[in-house]
Amino acid sequence: MSTDKRIREMLAPILEREGVTLYDIDAVASGPHQHLKIYIDRPDGVKLAHCEAVSHQISALLDVEDMFAAHYVLEVSSPGLTRKLTKEEHFAKSTGHFARVVFRKGFAGPDKADGILEAANGGKYRIIPVEGVPVEFFFNDVARARLDLNE
């Protein structure tokens, strides 16, 4: 079983107990250390107390399970107002909000687009810019994307 999957399984009861959902996990090796970032979300926002509660509980489990051979750094936070959209489910949940999308090379359209994200027909998404023509695309056309709740 992959480390990511094991962490997700360990997190599930903790997140349910704390009333939050898992937005994403990012595990990055930096030298001899592992940096584990866990992003949690709630419809009415994540508070510091949520992050602390999840952090303490998952840290204890990770130590007992001895999942990392070396020292690790654990960070639990909200995905923030300018959250990355890395999964198709992030796109689906973010319709109606302002997004910034950079497309993969070879996309038959602009290199990037900013505007309101909408779901379109046939599994496509659409960016409605403030000015200009709407851009339709599939999730696989996206190189990187970010939701910007400040806009």
Protein backbone atom coordinates (compact mmCIF):
# COMPACT_ATOMS: atom_id res chain seq x y z
CA MET A 1 0.00 0.00 0.00
CA SER A 2 1.35 3.43 -0.91
CA THR A 3 2.30 5.94 1.79
CA ASP A 4 -0.30 8.37 0.45
CA LYS A 5 -3.06 5.77 0.72
CA ARG A 6 -1.98 4.74 4.24
CA ILE A 7 -2.03 8.37 5.36
CA ARG A 8 -5.48 8.88 3.83
CA GLU A 9 -6.80 5.82 5.67
CA MET A 10 -5.33 6.99 8.98
CA LEU A 11 -6.74 10.49 8.44
CA ALA A 12 -10.31 9.42 7.63
CA PRO A 13 -11.59 8.87 11.20
CA ILE A 14 -9.69 11.92 12.49
CA LEU A 15 -11.17 14.20 9.85
CA GLU A 16 -14.67 12.85 10.44
CA ARG A 17 -14.32 13.35 14.19
CA GLU A 18 -13.10 16.94 13.68
CA GLY A 19 -15.81 17.79 11.11
CA VAL A 20 -13.40 18.61 8.28
CA THR A 21 -12.64 17.08 4.88
CA LEU A 22 -9.35 16.29 3.20
CA TYR A 23 -8.58 18.74 0.40
CA ASP A 24 -5.15 17.41 -0.55
CA ILE A 25 -1.92 15.82 0.65
CA ASP A 26 1.51 16.92 -0.49
CA ALA A 27 4.53 14.85 0.54
CA VAL A 28 7.89 16.29 -0.46
CA ALA A 29 11.32 14.91 0.36
CA SER A 30 13.79 17.68 1.19
CA GLY A 31 17.22 16.20 1.79
CA PRO A 32 17.04 13.55 4.49
CA HIS A 33 13.71 14.87 5.74
CA GLN A 34 10.14 14.33 4.59
CA HIS A 35 7.79 17.33 4.55
CA LEU A 36 4.15 16.23 4.80
CA LYS A 37 1.52 18.88 4.11
CA ILE A 38 -2.12 18.03 4.79
CA TYR A 39 -4.75 20.48 3.59
CA ILE A 40 -8.16 20.34 5.26
CA ASP A 41 -11.36 22.16 4.39
CA ARG A 42 -14.82 22.97 5.74
CA PRO A 43 -17.75 24.73 4.08
CA ASP A 44 -17.69 27.47 6.74
CA GLY A 45 -13.89 27.73 6.86
CA VAL A 46 -11.02 26.11 8.71
CA LYS A 47 -9.96 27.53 12.05
CA LEU A 48 -6.60 27.15 13.76
CA ALA A 49 -8.20 24.80 16.30
CA HIS A 50 -9.14 22.39 13.48
CA CYS A 51 -5.57 22.35 12.18
CA GLU A 52 -4.15 21.83 15.66
CA ALA A 53 -6.52 18.97 16.48
CA VAL A 54 -5.81 17.14 13.22
CA SER A 55 -2.07 17.79 13.53
CA HIS A 56 -1.79 16.38 17.06
CA GLN A 57 -3.80 13.28 16.23
CA ILE A 58 -2.13 12.41 12.93
CA SER A 59 1.32 13.15 14.35
CA ALA A 60 0.75 10.61 17.13
CA LEU A 61 -0.41 8.00 14.61
CA LEU A 62 2.49 8.64 12.24
CA ASP A 63 4.94 8.21 15.13
CA VAL A 64 3.34 4.93 16.24
CA GLU A 65 3.20 3.60 12.67
CA ASP A 66 6.82 4.74 12.10
CA MET A 67 5.97 5.58 8.49
CA PHE A 68 9.03 7.70 7.76
CA ALA A 69 12.56 6.35 8.07
CA ALA A 70 13.96 9.77 8.92
CA HIS A 71 12.73 12.92 10.59
CA TYR A 72 9.59 14.43 9.10
CA VAL A 73 7.91 17.82 9.25
CA LEU A 74 4.12 17.84 9.45
CA GLU A 75 2.04 20.83 8.40
CA VAL A 76 -1.76 20.90 8.58
CA SER A 77 -3.52 23.90 7.09
CA SER A 78 -6.39 25.22 5.04
CA PRO A 79 -5.83 25.24 1.27
CA GLY A 80 -6.25 29.02 1.51
CA LEU A 81 -8.08 31.59 -0.58
CA THR A 82 -5.77 31.04 -3.55
CA ARG A 83 -5.89 27.26 -3.41
CA LYS A 84 -4.40 25.01 -6.06
CA LEU A 85 -6.81 23.00 -8.16
CA THR A 86 -4.93 19.74 -8.61
CA LYS A 87 -7.76 17.23 -8.98
CA GLU A 88 -10.85 17.13 -11.11
CA GLU A 89 -12.97 17.07 -7.94
CA HIS A 90 -11.41 20.46 -7.03
CA PHE A 91 -12.67 21.84 -10.36
CA ALA A 92 -16.14 20.40 -9.81
CA LYS A 93 -16.39 21.94 -6.32
CA SER A 94 -15.04 25.30 -7.50
CA THR A 95 -17.55 26.16 -10.21
CA GLY A 96 -18.90 29.66 -9.84
CA HIS A 97 -15.60 31.00 -8.46
CA PHE A 98 -12.76 32.96 -10.03
CA ALA A 99 -9.94 30.73 -11.28
CA ARG A 100 -6.60 31.18 -13.00
CA VAL A 101 -5.77 28.35 -15.40
CA VAL A 102 -2.57 27.66 -17.35
CA PHE A 103 -3.01 25.13 -20.15
CA ARG A 104 -0.67 22.37 -21.30
CA LYS A 105 1.43 22.82 -24.42
CA GLY A 106 -0.57 21.73 -27.44
CA PHE A 107 -3.91 22.98 -26.08
CA ALA A 108 -5.93 24.37 -28.99
CA GLY A 109 -6.58 27.71 -27.32
CA PRO A 110 -4.86 30.35 -25.23
CA ASP A 111 -1.88 29.59 -22.99
CA LYS A 112 -3.84 30.74 -19.94
CA ALA A 113 -7.22 32.09 -18.90
CA ASP A 114 -8.63 33.90 -15.86
CA GLY A 115 -12.31 34.14 -15.04
CA ILE A 116 -15.32 32.43 -13.54
CA LEU A 117 -15.07 28.64 -13.69
CA GLU A 118 -18.16 26.81 -14.95
CA ALA A 119 -19.02 23.23 -15.77
CA ALA A 120 -19.77 22.69 -19.46
CA ASN A 121 -21.27 19.79 -21.41
CA GLY A 122 -19.45 16.52 -22.05
CA GLY A 123 -17.12 16.63 -19.05
CA LYS A 124 -15.67 19.97 -20.08
CA TYR A 125 -15.14 23.10 -18.03
CA ARG A 126 -15.36 26.71 -19.13
CA ILE A 127 -13.63 29.90 -18.01
CA ILE A 128 -15.74 33.01 -18.47
CA PRO A 129 -13.27 35.93 -18.54
CA VAL A 130 -14.20 39.48 -17.56
CA GLU A 131 -13.35 40.49 -21.12
CA GLY A 132 -12.92 38.21 -24.09
CA VAL A 133 -14.18 34.89 -25.29
CA PRO A 134 -15.03 31.97 -22.95
CA VAL A 135 -12.54 29.09 -23.07
CA GLU A 136 -13.72 25.47 -22.91
CA PHE A 137 -11.33 22.73 -21.86
CA PHE A 138 -11.05 19.28 -20.31
CA PHE A 139 -9.32 18.71 -16.98
CA ASN A 140 -6.49 16.94 -18.84
CA ASP A 141 -5.78 20.18 -20.77
CA VAL A 142 -4.71 21.92 -17.55
CA ALA A 143 -1.03 22.30 -16.63
CA ARG A 144 -1.84 24.12 -13.39
CA ALA A 145 -4.74 26.01 -11.91
CA ARG A 146 -5.52 28.07 -8.86
CA LEU A 147 -8.76 29.27 -7.38
CA ASP A 148 -8.65 32.89 -6.28
CA LEU A 149 -11.38 33.64 -3.75
CA ASN A 150 -10.01 37.19 -3.40
CA GLU A 151 -11.36 38.12 -6.83
